[in-house]
Amino acid sequence: LALVGTASAQDEGKTLVTGISMVGGDLETIDPSLSQTSSQIEIVNQ
């Protein structure tokens, strides 16, 4: 909600499409304290 705009924009509905390389298979975590791979960190940053 901090990134996609005002309340009126939210009411219209927004979809975020992104491409993330899942190197090494499934993500072990998306915990900010524990994330260490580029894929994990990219999701945390988003």
All heavy atoms as atom14 arrays in JSON, in Angstrom:
{
  "sequence": "LALVGTASAQDEGKTLVTGISMVGGDLETIDPSLSQTSSQIEIVNQ",
  "atom14_mask": [
    [1, 1, 1, 1, 1, 1, 1, 1, 0, 0, 0, 0, 0, 0],
    [1, 1, 1, 1, 1, 0, 0, 0, 0, 0, 0, 0, 0, 0],
    [1, 1, 1, 1, 1, 1, 1, 1, 0, 0, 0, 0, 0, 0],
    [1, 1, 1, 1, 1, 1, 1, 0, 0, 0, 0, 0, 0, 0],
    [1, 1, 1, 1, 0, 0, 0, 0, 0, 0, 0, 0, 0, 0],
    [1, 1, 1, 1, 1, 1, 1, 0, 0, 0, 0, 0, 0, 0],
    [1, 1, 1, 1, 1, 0, 0, 0, 0, 0, 0, 0, 0, 0],
    [1, 1, 1, 1, 1, 1, 0, 0, 0, 0, 0, 0, 0, 0],
    [1, 1, 1, 1, 1, 0, 0, 0, 0, 0, 0, 0, 0, 0],
    [1, 1, 1, 1, 1, 1, 1, 1, 1, 0, 0, 0, 0, 0],
    [1, 1, 1, 1, 1, 1, 1, 1, 0, 0, 0, 0, 0, 0],
    [1, 1, 1, 1, 1, 1, 1, 1, 1, 0, 0, 0, 0, 0],
    [1, 1, 1, 1, 0, 0, 0, 0, 0, 0, 0, 0, 0, 0],
    [1, 1, 1, 1, 1, 1, 1, 1, 1, 0, 0, 0, 0, 0],
    [1, 1, 1, 1, 1, 1, 1, 0, 0, 0, 0, 0, 0, 0],
    [1, 1, 1, 1, 1, 1, 1, 1, 0, 0, 0, 0, 0, 0],
    [1, 1, 1, 1, 1, 1, 1, 0, 0, 0, 0, 0, 0, 0],
    [1, 1, 1, 1, 1, 1, 1, 0, 0, 0, 0, 0, 0, 0],
    [1, 1, 1, 1, 0, 0, 0, 0, 0, 0, 0, 0, 0, 0],
    [1, 1, 1, 1, 1, 1, 1, 1, 0, 0, 0, 0, 0, 0],
    [1, 1, 1, 1, 1, 1, 0, 0, 0, 0, 0, 0, 0, 0],
    [1, 1, 1, 1, 1, 1, 1, 1, 0, 0, 0, 0, 0, 0],
    [1, 1, 1, 1, 1, 1, 1, 0, 0, 0, 0, 0, 0, 0],
    [1, 1, 1, 1, 0, 0, 0, 0, 0, 0, 0, 0, 0, 0],
    [1, 1, 1, 1, 0, 0, 0, 0, 0, 0, 0, 0, 0, 0],
    [1, 1, 1, 1, 1, 1, 1, 1, 0, 0, 0, 0, 0, 0],
    [1, 1, 1, 1, 1, 1, 1, 1, 0, 0, 0, 0, 0, 0],
    [1, 1, 1, 1, 1, 1, 1, 1, 1, 0, 0, 0, 0, 0],
    [1, 1, 1, 1, 1, 1, 1, 0, 0, 0, 0, 0, 0, 0],
    [1, 1, 1, 1, 1, 1, 1, 1, 0, 0, 0, 0, 0, 0],
    [1, 1, 1, 1, 1, 1, 1, 1, 0, 0, 0, 0, 0, 0],
    [1, 1, 1, 1, 1, 1, 1, 0, 0, 0, 0, 0, 0, 0],
    [1, 1, 1, 1, 1, 1, 0, 0, 0, 0, 0, 0, 0, 0],
    [1, 1, 1, 1, 1, 1, 1, 1, 0, 0, 0, 0, 0, 0],
    [1, 1, 1, 1, 1, 1, 0, 0, 0, 0, 0, 0, 0, 0],
    [1, 1, 1, 1, 1, 1, 1, 1, 1, 0, 0, 0, 0, 0],
    [1, 1, 1, 1, 1, 1, 1, 0, 0, 0, 0, 0, 0, 0],
    [1, 1, 1, 1, 1, 1, 0, 0, 0, 0, 0, 0, 0, 0],
    [1, 1, 1, 1, 1, 1, 0, 0, 0, 0, 0, 0, 0, 0],
    [1, 1, 1, 1, 1, 1, 1, 1, 1, 0, 0, 0, 0, 0],
    [1, 1, 1, 1, 1, 1, 1, 1, 0, 0, 0, 0, 0, 0],
    [1, 1, 1, 1, 1, 1, 1, 1, 1, 0, 0, 0, 0, 0],
    [1, 1, 1, 1, 1, 1, 1, 1, 0, 0, 0, 0, 0, 0],
    [1, 1, 1, 1, 1, 1, 1, 0, 0, 0, 0, 0, 0, 0],
    [1, 1, 1, 1, 1, 1, 1, 1, 0, 0, 0, 0, 0, 0],
    [1, 1, 1, 1, 1, 1, 1, 1, 1, 0, 0, 0, 0, 0]
  ],
  "atom14_positions": [
    [[0.81, -1.21, 0.0], [0.0, 0.0, 0.0], [0.85, 1.26, 0.0], [0.38, 2.33, -0.4], [-0.94, 0.02, 1.2], [-2.07, -1.04, 1.18], [-2.97, -0.85, 2.37], [-2.85, -0.96, -0.1], [0.0, 0.0, 0.0], [0.0, 0.0, 0.0], [0.0, 0.0, 0.0], [0.0, 0.0, 0.0], [0.0, 0.0, 0.0], [0.0, 0.0, 0.0]],
    [[2.09, 1.14, 0.43], [2.97, 2.29, 0.42], [3.48, 2.59, -0.99], [4.03, 3.65, -1.24], [4.17, 2.06, 1.34], [0.0, 0.0, 0.0], [0.0, 0.0, 0.0], [0.0, 0.0, 0.0], [0.0, 0.0, 0.0], [0.0, 0.0, 0.0], [0.0, 0.0, 0.0], [0.0, 0.0, 0.0], [0.0, 0.0, 0.0], [0.0, 0.0, 0.0]],
    [[3.26, 1.66, -1.91], [3.9, 1.76, -3.22], [2.91, 1.91, -4.37], [3.27, 2.43, -5.43], [4.76, 0.52, -3.48], [5.83, 0.22, -2.43], [6.51, -1.11, -2.76], [6.87, 1.32, -2.38], [0.0, 0.0, 0.0], [0.0, 0.0, 0.0], [0.0, 0.0, 0.0], [0.0, 0.0, 0.0], [0.0, 0.0, 0.0], [0.0, 0.0, 0.0]],
    [[1.68, 1.44, -4.21], [0.8, 1.33, -5.38], [-0.16, 2.51, -5.55], [-0.94, 2.5, -6.49], [-0.01, 0.02, -5.33], [0.91, -1.16, -5.38], [-0.92, -0.03, -4.11], [0.0, 0.0, 0.0], [0.0, 0.0, 0.0], [0.0, 0.0, 0.0], [0.0, 0.0, 0.0], [0.0, 0.0, 0.0], [0.0, 0.0, 0.0], [0.0, 0.0, 0.0]],
    [[-0.1, 3.5, -4.67], [-0.89, 4.69, -4.94], [-1.94, 4.98, -3.91], [-1.91, 4.49, -2.79], [0.0, 0.0, 0.0], [0.0, 0.0, 0.0], [0.0, 0.0, 0.0], [0.0, 0.0, 0.0], [0.0, 0.0, 0.0], [0.0, 0.0, 0.0], [0.0, 0.0, 0.0], [0.0, 0.0, 0.0], [0.0, 0.0, 0.0], [0.0, 0.0, 0.0]],
    [[-2.9, 5.79, -4.29], [-3.94, 6.27, -3.37], [-5.04, 5.25, -3.21], [-5.09, 4.23, -3.89], [-4.55, 7.57, -3.94], [-5.19, 7.25, -5.17], [-3.47, 8.61, -4.18], [0.0, 0.0, 0.0], [0.0, 0.0, 0.0], [0.0, 0.0, 0.0], [0.0, 0.0, 0.0], [0.0, 0.0, 0.0], [0.0, 0.0, 0.0], [0.0, 0.0, 0.0]],
    [[-5.97, 5.57, -2.29], [-7.07, 4.66, -2.03], [-7.91, 4.43, -3.28], [-8.38, 3.33, -3.54], [-7.94, 5.2, -0.89], [0.0, 0.0, 0.0], [0.0, 0.0, 0.0], [0.0, 0.0, 0.0], [0.0, 0.0, 0.0], [0.0, 0.0, 0.0], [0.0, 0.0, 0.0], [0.0, 0.0, 0.0], [0.0, 0.0, 0.0], [0.0, 0.0, 0.0]],
    [[-8.12, 5.47, -4.07], [-8.93, 5.32, -5.27], [-8.26, 4.37, -6.25], [-8.92, 3.56, -6.91], [-9.16, 6.68, -5.93], [-7.92, 7.27, -6.29], [0.0, 0.0, 0.0], [0.0, 0.0, 0.0], [0.0, 0.0, 0.0], [0.0, 0.0, 0.0], [0.0, 0.0, 0.0], [0.0, 0.0, 0.0], [0.0, 0.0, 0.0], [0.0, 0.0, 0.0]],
    [[-6.93, 4.45, -6.34], [-6.21, 3.55, -7.22], [-6.3, 2.11, -6.73], [-6.45, 1.17, -7.51], [-4.75, 3.97, -7.35], [0.0, 0.0, 0.0], [0.0, 0.0, 0.0], [0.0, 0.0, 0.0], [0.0, 0.0, 0.0], [0.0, 0.0, 0.0], [0.0, 0.0, 0.0], [0.0, 0.0, 0.0], [0.0, 0.0, 0.0], [0.0, 0.0, 0.0]],
    [[-6.27, 1.95, -5.41], [-6.37, 0.61, -4.84], [-7.73, 0.01, -5.14], [-7.86, -1.18, -5.41], [-6.14, 0.67, -3.35], [-4.71, 1.06, -2.96], [-4.62, 1.47, -1.52], [-5.49, 1.13, -0.72], [-3.6, 2.22, -1.16], [0.0, 0.0, 0.0], [0.0, 0.0, 0.0], [0.0, 0.0, 0.0], [0.0, 0.0, 0.0], [0.0, 0.0, 0.0]],
    [[-8.78, 0.84, -5.08], [-10.12, 0.35, -5.34], [-10.26, -0.2, -6.76], [-11.05, -1.1, -7.01], [-11.14, 1.48, -5.12], [-11.23, 1.88, -3.66], [-10.82, 1.08, -2.8], [-11.71, 2.99, -3.38], [0.0, 0.0, 0.0], [0.0, 0.0, 0.0], [0.0, 0.0, 0.0], [0.0, 0.0, 0.0], [0.0, 0.0, 0.0], [0.0, 0.0, 0.0]],
    [[-9.48, 0.35, -7.69], [-9.54, -0.12, -9.06], [-8.88, -1.48, -9.21], [-9.18, -2.23, -10.13], [-8.84, 0.89, -9.99], [-9.52, 2.25, -10.03], [-8.68, 3.26, -10.8], [-7.63, 2.85, -11.34], [-9.08, 4.42, -10.87], [0.0, 0.0, 0.0], [0.0, 0.0, 0.0], [0.0, 0.0, 0.0], [0.0, 0.0, 0.0], [0.0, 0.0, 0.0]],
    [[-7.98, -1.8, -8.3], [-7.28, -3.08, -8.36], [-6.01, -2.98, -9.19], [-6.01, -2.46, -10.3], [0.0, 0.0, 0.0], [0.0, 0.0, 0.0], [0.0, 0.0, 0.0], [0.0, 0.0, 0.0], [0.0, 0.0, 0.0], [0.0, 0.0, 0.0], [0.0, 0.0, 0.0], [0.0, 0.0, 0.0], [0.0, 0.0, 0.0], [0.0, 0.0, 0.0]],
    [[-4.89, -3.42, -8.62], [-3.61, -3.38, -9.3], [-2.95, -4.75, -9.22], [-3.09, -5.46, -8.24], [-2.68, -2.33, -8.67], [-3.21, -0.9, -8.75], [-3.2, -0.38, -10.17], [-3.68, 1.05, -10.23], [-3.68, 1.58, -11.6], [0.0, 0.0, 0.0], [0.0, 0.0, 0.0], [0.0, 0.0, 0.0], [0.0, 0.0, 0.0], [0.0, 0.0, 0.0]],
    [[-2.23, -5.12, -10.26], [-1.5, -6.38, -10.28], [-0.03, -6.1, -10.53], [0.32, -5.38, -11.47], [-2.03, -7.31, -11.39], [-3.41, -7.57, -11.15], [-1.26, -8.63, -11.39], [0.0, 0.0, 0.0], [0.0, 0.0, 0.0], [0.0, 0.0, 0.0], [0.0, 0.0, 0.0], [0.0, 0.0, 0.0], [0.0, 0.0, 0.0], [0.0, 0.0, 0.0]],
    [[0.82, -6.64, -9.69], [2.26, -6.5, -9.84], [2.8, -7.79, -10.45], [2.65, -8.86, -9.87], [2.93, -6.24, -8.49], [4.47, -6.2, -8.48], [4.97, -5.01, -9.29], [5.01, -6.16, -7.06], [0.0, 0.0, 0.0], [0.0, 0.0, 0.0], [0.0, 0.0, 0.0], [0.0, 0.0, 0.0], [0.0, 0.0, 0.0], [0.0, 0.0, 0.0]],
    [[3.37, -7.69, -11.63], [3.96, -8.84, -12.3], [5.47, -8.68, -12.28], [6.0, -7.65, -12.69], [3.47, -8.96, -13.76], [4.11, -10.16, -14.44], [1.95, -9.07, -13.79], [0.0, 0.0, 0.0], [0.0, 0.0, 0.0], [0.0, 0.0, 0.0], [0.0, 0.0, 0.0], [0.0, 0.0, 0.0], [0.0, 0.0, 0.0], [0.0, 0.0, 0.0]],
    [[6.18, -9.69, -11.78], [7.61, -9.58, -11.67], [8.26, -10.91, -12.02], [7.64, -11.97, -11.91], [8.02, -9.17, -10.24], [9.44, -9.01, -10.18], [7.58, -10.2, -9.22], [0.0, 0.0, 0.0], [0.0, 0.0, 0.0], [0.0, 0.0, 0.0], [0.0, 0.0, 0.0], [0.0, 0.0, 0.0], [0.0, 0.0, 0.0], [0.0, 0.0, 0.0]],
    [[9.5, -10.87, -12.45], [10.23, -12.08, -12.77], [11.39, -12.25, -11.82], [12.21, -11.36, -11.67], [0.0, 0.0, 0.0], [0.0, 0.0, 0.0], [0.0, 0.0, 0.0], [0.0, 0.0, 0.0], [0.0, 0.0, 0.0], [0.0, 0.0, 0.0], [0.0, 0.0, 0.0], [0.0, 0.0, 0.0], [0.0, 0.0, 0.0], [0.0, 0.0, 0.0]],
    [[11.44, -13.37, -11.14], [12.5, -13.65, -10.18], [13.1, -15.01, -10.51], [12.39, -16.01, -10.65], [11.97, -13.66, -8.74], [11.42, -12.28, -8.37], [13.07, -14.06, -7.76], [10.78, -12.21, -7.01], [0.0, 0.0, 0.0], [0.0, 0.0, 0.0], [0.0, 0.0, 0.0], [0.0, 0.0, 0.0], [0.0, 0.0, 0.0], [0.0, 0.0, 0.0]],
    [[14.4, -15.06, -10.64], [15.09, -16.31, -10.93], [15.13, -17.16, -9.68], [15.71, -16.77, -8.67], [16.51, -16.03, -11.43], [17.23, -17.23, -11.58], [0.0, 0.0, 0.0], [0.0, 0.0, 0.0], [0.0, 0.0, 0.0], [0.0, 0.0, 0.0], [0.0, 0.0, 0.0], [0.0, 0.0, 0.0], [0.0, 0.0, 0.0], [0.0, 0.0, 0.0]],
    [[14.51, -18.33, -9.72], [14.45, -19.22, -8.56], [15.66, -20.16, -8.58], [15.54, -21.37, -8.73], [13.14, -20.01, -8.56], [11.9, -19.13, -8.57], [11.65, -18.26, -7.02], [11.02, -19.58, -6.01], [0.0, 0.0, 0.0], [0.0, 0.0, 0.0], [0.0, 0.0, 0.0], [0.0, 0.0, 0.0], [0.0, 0.0, 0.0], [0.0, 0.0, 0.0]],
    [[16.83, -19.58, -8.45], [18.05, -20.36, -8.47], [18.09, -21.29, -7.26], [17.89, -20.87, -6.13], [19.3, -19.44, -8.46], [20.57, -20.28, -8.41], [19.29, -18.53, -9.68], [0.0, 0.0, 0.0], [0.0, 0.0, 0.0], [0.0, 0.0, 0.0], [0.0, 0.0, 0.0], [0.0, 0.0, 0.0], [0.0, 0.0, 0.0], [0.0, 0.0, 0.0]],
    [[18.33, -22.58, -7.51], [18.43, -23.53, -6.41], [17.11, -24.12, -5.98], [17.04, -24.84, -4.98], [0.0, 0.0, 0.0], [0.0, 0.0, 0.0], [0.0, 0.0, 0.0], [0.0, 0.0, 0.0], [0.0, 0.0, 0.0], [0.0, 0.0, 0.0], [0.0, 0.0, 0.0], [0.0, 0.0, 0.0], [0.0, 0.0, 0.0], [0.0, 0.0, 0.0]],
    [[16.02, -23.83, -6.71], [14.73, -24.43, -6.37], [13.9, -23.54, -5.47], [14.04, -22.32, -5.46], [0.0, 0.0, 0.0], [0.0, 0.0, 0.0], [0.0, 0.0, 0.0], [0.0, 0.0, 0.0], [0.0, 0.0, 0.0], [0.0, 0.0, 0.0], [0.0, 0.0, 0.0], [0.0, 0.0, 0.0], [0.0, 0.0, 0.0], [0.0, 0.0, 0.0]],
    [[13.02, -24.15, -4.68], [12.1, -23.41, -3.82], [12.86, -22.55, -2.81], [13.93, -22.92, -2.34], [11.19, -24.37, -3.06], [10.17, -25.04, -3.96], [9.96, -24.53, -5.07], [9.61, -26.07, -3.54], [0.0, 0.0, 0.0], [0.0, 0.0, 0.0], [0.0, 0.0, 0.0], [0.0, 0.0, 0.0], [0.0, 0.0, 0.0], [0.0, 0.0, 0.0]],
    [[12.27, -21.42, -2.48], [12.87, -20.53, -1.5], [12.8, -21.14, -0.11], [11.76, -21.63, 0.31], [12.14, -19.18, -1.5], [12.18, -18.39, -2.8], [11.29, -17.16, -2.68], [13.59, -17.97, -3.13], [0.0, 0.0, 0.0], [0.0, 0.0, 0.0], [0.0, 0.0, 0.0], [0.0, 0.0, 0.0], [0.0, 0.0, 0.0], [0.0, 0.0, 0.0]],
    [[13.9, -21.1, 0.6], [13.93, -21.61, 1.97], [13.27, -20.64, 2.94], [12.71, -21.05, 3.95], [15.37, -21.86, 2.4], [16.04, -23.02, 1.68], [15.38, -24.35, 2.01], [15.09, -24.59, 3.19], [15.14, -25.14, 1.08], [0.0, 0.0, 0.0], [0.0, 0.0, 0.0], [0.0, 0.0, 0.0], [0.0, 0.0, 0.0], [0.0, 0.0, 0.0]],
    [[13.35, -19.34, 2.64], [12.79, -18.34, 3.54], [12.62, -17.03, 2.8], [13.29, -16.78, 1.79], [13.71, -18.11, 4.76], [13.08, -17.17, 5.66], [15.06, -17.56, 4.35], [0.0, 0.0, 0.0], [0.0, 0.0, 0.0], [0.0, 0.0, 0.0], [0.0, 0.0, 0.0], [0.0, 0.0, 0.0], [0.0, 0.0, 0.0], [0.0, 0.0, 0.0]],
    [[11.72, -16.21, 3.27], [11.63, -14.81, 2.86], [11.56, -13.93, 4.12], [10.95, -12.88, 4.14], [10.44, -14.54, 1.92], [9.14, -15.17, 2.44], [10.74, -15.01, 0.52], [7.93, -14.87, 1.58], [0.0, 0.0, 0.0], [0.0, 0.0, 0.0], [0.0, 0.0, 0.0], [0.0, 0.0, 0.0], [0.0, 0.0, 0.0], [0.0, 0.0, 0.0]],
    [[12.22, -14.42, 5.15], [12.38, -13.7, 6.42], [13.53, -12.71, 6.23], [14.64, -13.12, 5.88], [12.7, -14.72, 7.51], [12.85, -14.11, 8.89], [13.29, -12.95, 8.99], [12.54, -14.81, 9.87], [0.0, 0.0, 0.0], [0.0, 0.0, 0.0], [0.0, 0.0, 0.0], [0.0, 0.0, 0.0], [0.0, 0.0, 0.0], [0.0, 0.0, 0.0]],
    [[13.32, -11.41, 6.46], [14.39, -10.43, 6.25], [15.65, -10.73, 7.06], [16.77, -10.49, 6.58], [13.76, -9.11, 6.69], [12.31, -9.31, 6.51], [12.06, -10.75, 6.85], [0.0, 0.0, 0.0], [0.0, 0.0, 0.0], [0.0, 0.0, 0.0], [0.0, 0.0, 0.0], [0.0, 0.0, 0.0], [0.0, 0.0, 0.0], [0.0, 0.0, 0.0]],
    [[15.5, -11.23, 8.27], [16.67, -11.52, 9.1], [17.48, -12.69, 8.58], [18.68, -12.78, 8.82], [16.25, -11.8, 10.54], [15.8, -10.64, 11.19], [0.0, 0.0, 0.0], [0.0, 0.0, 0.0], [0.0, 0.0, 0.0], [0.0, 0.0, 0.0], [0.0, 0.0, 0.0], [0.0, 0.0, 0.0], [0.0, 0.0, 0.0], [0.0, 0.0, 0.0]],
    [[16.83, -13.6, 7.86], [17.48, -14.85, 7.45], [17.8, -14.92, 5.97], [18.62, -15.75, 5.56], [16.58, -16.04, 7.83], [16.24, -16.21, 9.31], [15.31, -17.38, 9.51], [17.5, -16.37, 10.14], [0.0, 0.0, 0.0], [0.0, 0.0, 0.0], [0.0, 0.0, 0.0], [0.0, 0.0, 0.0], [0.0, 0.0, 0.0], [0.0, 0.0, 0.0]],
    [[17.17, -14.11, 5.15], [17.36, -14.2, 3.7], [18.8, -13.93, 3.32], [19.43, -13.01, 3.85], [16.43, -13.22, 2.98], [15.08, -13.6, 3.15], [0.0, 0.0, 0.0], [0.0, 0.0, 0.0], [0.0, 0.0, 0.0], [0.0, 0.0, 0.0], [0.0, 0.0, 0.0], [0.0, 0.0, 0.0], [0.0, 0.0, 0.0], [0.0, 0.0, 0.0]],
    [[19.32, -14.73, 2.36], [20.71, -14.55, 1.94], [20.94, -14.77, 0.46], [21.95, -14.32, -0.08], [21.62, -15.47, 2.74], [21.26, -16.94, 2.68], [22.17, -17.79, 3.55], [23.39, -17.66, 3.49], [21.59, -18.64, 4.4], [0.0, 0.0, 0.0], [0.0, 0.0, 0.0], [0.0, 0.0, 0.0], [0.0, 0.0, 0.0], [0.0, 0.0, 0.0]],
    [[20.03, -15.45, -0.26], [20.22, -15.62, -1.69], [19.6, -14.45, -2.44], [18.75, -13.72, -1.91], [19.58, -16.93, -2.19], [18.14, -16.8, -2.11], [20.03, -18.12, -1.35], [0.0, 0.0, 0.0], [0.0, 0.0, 0.0], [0.0, 0.0, 0.0], [0.0, 0.0, 0.0], [0.0, 0.0, 0.0], [0.0, 0.0, 0.0], [0.0, 0.0, 0.0]],
    [[20.0, -14.28, -3.69], [19.49, -13.16, -4.48], [17.99, -13.25, -4.67], [17.29, -12.23, -4.65], [20.2, -13.12, -5.84], [20.0, -14.33, -6.56], [0.0, 0.0, 0.0], [0.0, 0.0, 0.0], [0.0, 0.0, 0.0], [0.0, 0.0, 0.0], [0.0, 0.0, 0.0], [0.0, 0.0, 0.0], [0.0, 0.0, 0.0], [0.0, 0.0, 0.0]],
    [[17.45, -14.47, -4.84], [16.0, -14.63, -5.01], [15.25, -14.24, -3.74], [14.22, -13.55, -3.8], [15.68, -16.08, -5.39], [16.29, -16.43, -6.6], [0.0, 0.0, 0.0], [0.0, 0.0, 0.0], [0.0, 0.0, 0.0], [0.0, 0.0, 0.0], [0.0, 0.0, 0.0], [0.0, 0.0, 0.0], [0.0, 0.0, 0.0], [0.0, 0.0, 0.0]],
    [[15.74, -14.69, -2.61], [15.1, -14.35, -1.34], [15.14, -12.85, -1.1], [14.12, -12.24, -0.73], [15.82, -15.08, -0.19], [15.69, -16.59, -0.23], [16.67, -17.28, 0.68], [17.51, -16.65, 1.32], [16.61, -18.6, 0.74], [0.0, 0.0, 0.0], [0.0, 0.0, 0.0], [0.0, 0.0, 0.0], [0.0, 0.0, 0.0], [0.0, 0.0, 0.0]],
    [[16.29, -12.25, -1.32], [16.45, -10.82, -1.05], [15.58, -9.99, -1.98], [15.01, -8.97, -1.57], [17.93, -10.43, -1.17], [18.75, -11.11, -0.06], [18.11, -8.92, -1.1], [20.24, -11.06, -0.28], [0.0, 0.0, 0.0], [0.0, 0.0, 0.0], [0.0, 0.0, 0.0], [0.0, 0.0, 0.0], [0.0, 0.0, 0.0], [0.0, 0.0, 0.0]],
    [[15.45, -10.43, -3.25], [14.61, -9.69, -4.19], [13.16, -9.65, -3.72], [12.5, -8.61, -3.79], [14.7, -10.33, -5.58], [13.83, -9.65, -6.63], [14.2, -8.2, -6.88], [15.36, -7.81, -6.59], [13.34, -7.43, -7.36], [0.0, 0.0, 0.0], [0.0, 0.0, 0.0], [0.0, 0.0, 0.0], [0.0, 0.0, 0.0], [0.0, 0.0, 0.0]],
    [[12.66, -10.75, -3.22], [11.28, -10.78, -2.72], [11.14, -9.91, -1.48], [10.17, -9.15, -1.34], [10.83, -12.22, -2.44], [10.72, -12.99, -3.76], [9.5, -12.25, -1.7], [10.32, -14.43, -3.62], [0.0, 0.0, 0.0], [0.0, 0.0, 0.0], [0.0, 0.0, 0.0], [0.0, 0.0, 0.0], [0.0, 0.0, 0.0], [0.0, 0.0, 0.0]],
    [[12.1, -9.99, -0.58], [12.06, -9.14, 0.61], [12.05, -7.67, 0.21], [11.3, -6.86, 0.77], [13.27, -9.44, 1.53], [13.37, -8.39, 2.64], [13.15, -10.82, 2.13], [0.0, 0.0, 0.0], [0.0, 0.0, 0.0], [0.0, 0.0, 0.0], [0.0, 0.0, 0.0], [0.0, 0.0, 0.0], [0.0, 0.0, 0.0], [0.0, 0.0, 0.0]],
    [[12.86, -7.31, -0.78], [12.91, -5.91, -1.22], [11.6, -5.45, -1.83], [11.26, -4.26, -1.78], [14.04, -5.72, -2.23], [15.41, -5.65, -1.58], [15.52, -5.28, -0.42], [16.45, -6.01, -2.32], [0.0, 0.0, 0.0], [0.0, 0.0, 0.0], [0.0, 0.0, 0.0], [0.0, 0.0, 0.0], [0.0, 0.0, 0.0], [0.0, 0.0, 0.0]],
    [[10.84, -6.38, -2.41], [9.54, -6.01, -2.97], [8.44, -5.97, -1.92], [7.41, -5.32, -2.11], [9.16, -6.98, -4.09], [10.05, -6.88, -5.31], [9.57, -7.71, -6.47], [8.42, -8.12, -6.52], [10.44, -7.95, -7.43], [0.0, 0.0, 0.0], [0.0, 0.0, 0.0], [0.0, 0.0, 0.0], [0.0, 0.0, 0.0], [0.0, 0.0, 0.0]]
  ]
}
